[in-house]
Amino acid sequence: MADAIVLAVIVILAAMAVAFLVKEKKKRGKCLGCPFAGTCSKKNADSSCNHS
């Protein structure tokens, strides 16, 4: 029974992490880790960031 509870907690945490990443990806655009991701043009398909 304890194993099932631990497994359920792990599954819930993983689902919450995935949901957070999906939400941030929709909100910020392509670059999740870039502090300028919210201001970059979504039309720019270039993989490089112009902010240094």
N, C-alpha and C. Protein backbone atom coordinates (compact mmCIF):
# COMPACT_ATOMS: atom_id res chain seq x y z
N MET A 1 0.82 -1.19 0.00
CA MET A 1 0.00 0.00 0.00
C MET A 1 0.87 1.26 0.00
N ALA A 2 1.94 1.25 0.76
CA ALA A 2 2.82 2.41 0.82
C ALA A 2 3.48 2.65 -0.53
N ASP A 3 3.79 1.57 -1.25
CA ASP A 3 4.40 1.72 -2.57
C ASP A 3 3.45 2.41 -3.53
N ALA A 4 2.17 2.11 -3.43
CA ALA A 4 1.17 2.73 -4.30
C ALA A 4 1.06 4.23 -4.00
N ILE A 5 1.14 4.60 -2.75
CA ILE A 5 1.06 6.01 -2.37
C ILE A 5 2.28 6.77 -2.89
N VAL A 6 3.45 6.18 -2.73
CA VAL A 6 4.68 6.81 -3.23
C VAL A 6 4.62 6.95 -4.74
N LEU A 7 4.19 5.93 -5.42
CA LEU A 7 4.06 5.97 -6.88
C LEU A 7 3.06 7.04 -7.31
N ALA A 8 1.94 7.15 -6.61
CA ALA A 8 0.94 8.16 -6.93
C ALA A 8 1.50 9.57 -6.74
N VAL A 9 2.27 9.78 -5.70
CA VAL A 9 2.87 11.10 -5.45
C VAL A 9 3.86 11.43 -6.57
N ILE A 10 4.66 10.47 -6.98
CA ILE A 10 5.63 10.70 -8.05
C ILE A 10 4.91 11.01 -9.37
N VAL A 11 3.86 10.29 -9.67
CA VAL A 11 3.10 10.54 -10.90
C VAL A 11 2.46 11.93 -10.86
N ILE A 12 1.91 12.32 -9.72
CA ILE A 12 1.30 13.64 -9.60
C ILE A 12 2.34 14.74 -9.78
N LEU A 13 3.51 14.59 -9.17
CA LEU A 13 4.56 15.59 -9.32
C LEU A 13 5.05 15.69 -10.77
N ALA A 14 5.18 14.56 -11.43
CA ALA A 14 5.60 14.57 -12.83
C ALA A 14 4.55 15.25 -13.71
N ALA A 15 3.29 14.99 -13.45
CA ALA A 15 2.20 15.61 -14.22
C ALA A 15 2.18 17.12 -13.99
N MET A 16 2.43 17.55 -12.76
CA MET A 16 2.46 18.98 -12.47
C MET A 16 3.63 19.65 -13.18
N ALA A 17 4.77 18.99 -13.25
CA ALA A 17 5.93 19.55 -13.94
C ALA A 17 5.67 19.68 -15.44
N VAL A 18 5.06 18.67 -16.03
CA VAL A 18 4.73 18.72 -17.45
C VAL A 18 3.71 19.83 -17.72
N ALA A 19 2.70 19.95 -16.87
CA ALA A 19 1.69 20.99 -17.05
C ALA A 19 2.32 22.38 -16.95
N PHE A 20 3.25 22.56 -16.02
CA PHE A 20 3.95 23.84 -15.89
C PHE A 20 4.73 24.17 -17.15
N LEU A 21 5.47 23.19 -17.68
CA LEU A 21 6.26 23.42 -18.88
C LEU A 21 5.38 23.76 -20.08
N VAL A 22 4.27 23.08 -20.23
CA VAL A 22 3.35 23.35 -21.34
C VAL A 22 2.78 24.76 -21.20
N LYS A 23 2.39 25.15 -19.99
CA LYS A 23 1.82 26.47 -19.76
C LYS A 23 2.85 27.56 -20.05
N GLU A 24 4.07 27.39 -19.59
CA GLU A 24 5.12 28.38 -19.83
C GLU A 24 5.48 28.44 -21.31
N LYS A 25 5.48 27.32 -21.98
CA LYS A 25 5.79 27.29 -23.41
C LYS A 25 4.76 28.10 -24.19
N LYS A 26 3.49 27.98 -23.83
CA LYS A 26 2.44 28.74 -24.50
C LYS A 26 2.55 30.23 -24.18
N LYS A 27 2.93 30.54 -22.95
CA LYS A 27 2.97 31.94 -22.51
C LYS A 27 4.20 32.66 -23.06
N ARG A 28 5.36 32.04 -23.02
CA ARG A 28 6.61 32.71 -23.36
C ARG A 28 7.08 32.49 -24.79
N GLY A 29 6.63 31.48 -25.44
CA GLY A 29 7.10 31.21 -26.79
C GLY A 29 8.14 30.11 -26.83
N LYS A 30 9.13 30.30 -27.68
CA LYS A 30 10.05 29.22 -28.00
C LYS A 30 11.12 28.97 -26.94
N CYS A 31 11.64 30.00 -26.34
CA CYS A 31 12.79 29.87 -25.43
C CYS A 31 12.35 29.96 -23.97
N LEU A 32 12.20 28.85 -23.31
CA LEU A 32 11.74 28.87 -21.92
C LEU A 32 12.77 29.43 -20.97
N GLY A 33 14.03 29.18 -21.20
CA GLY A 33 15.06 29.61 -20.27
C GLY A 33 15.58 31.01 -20.50
N CYS A 34 15.18 31.65 -21.57
CA CYS A 34 15.69 32.97 -21.90
C CYS A 34 14.90 34.04 -21.15
N PRO A 35 15.58 34.96 -20.46
CA PRO A 35 14.86 36.02 -19.76
C PRO A 35 14.16 36.99 -20.70
N PHE A 36 14.54 37.01 -21.97
CA PHE A 36 13.92 37.88 -22.95
C PHE A 36 12.86 37.15 -23.77
N ALA A 37 12.50 35.94 -23.40
CA ALA A 37 11.58 35.13 -24.19
C ALA A 37 10.22 35.79 -24.36
N GLY A 38 9.77 36.52 -23.36
CA GLY A 38 8.47 37.18 -23.45
C GLY A 38 8.46 38.34 -24.42
N THR A 39 9.63 38.91 -24.75
CA THR A 39 9.69 40.07 -25.62
C THR A 39 10.15 39.73 -27.03
N CYS A 40 10.63 38.52 -27.25
CA CYS A 40 11.08 38.13 -28.59
C CYS A 40 9.89 37.96 -29.52
N SER A 41 10.12 38.17 -30.78
CA SER A 41 9.08 38.00 -31.77
C SER A 41 8.82 36.52 -31.99
N LYS A 42 7.58 36.12 -31.92
CA LYS A 42 7.23 34.72 -32.15
C LYS A 42 7.34 34.37 -33.63
N LYS A 43 7.36 35.38 -34.49
CA LYS A 43 7.48 35.14 -35.92
C LYS A 43 8.91 34.74 -36.30
N ASN A 44 9.86 35.06 -35.44
CA ASN A 44 11.26 34.76 -35.73
C ASN A 44 11.50 33.27 -35.54
N ALA A 45 11.74 32.57 -36.62
CA ALA A 45 11.94 31.12 -36.57
C ALA A 45 13.41 30.76 -36.37
N ASP A 46 14.26 31.75 -36.27
CA ASP A 46 15.69 31.51 -36.10
C ASP A 46 15.93 30.89 -34.71
N SER A 47 16.82 29.92 -34.64
CA SER A 47 17.07 29.24 -33.38
C SER A 47 18.02 30.00 -32.47
N SER A 48 18.67 31.03 -32.98
CA SER A 48 19.61 31.79 -32.16
C SER A 48 18.90 32.96 -31.49
N CYS A 49 19.40 33.33 -30.34
CA CYS A 49 18.84 34.46 -29.60
C CYS A 49 19.71 35.68 -29.89
N ASN A 50 19.11 36.81 -30.20
CA ASN A 50 19.86 38.01 -30.52
C ASN A 50 20.24 38.81 -29.29
N HIS A 51 19.80 38.41 -28.11
CA HIS A 51 20.11 39.12 -26.88
C HIS A 51 21.39 38.55 -26.28
N SER A 52 22.31 39.42 -25.94
CA SER A 52 23.56 38.96 -25.32
C SER A 52 23.74 39.58 -23.97
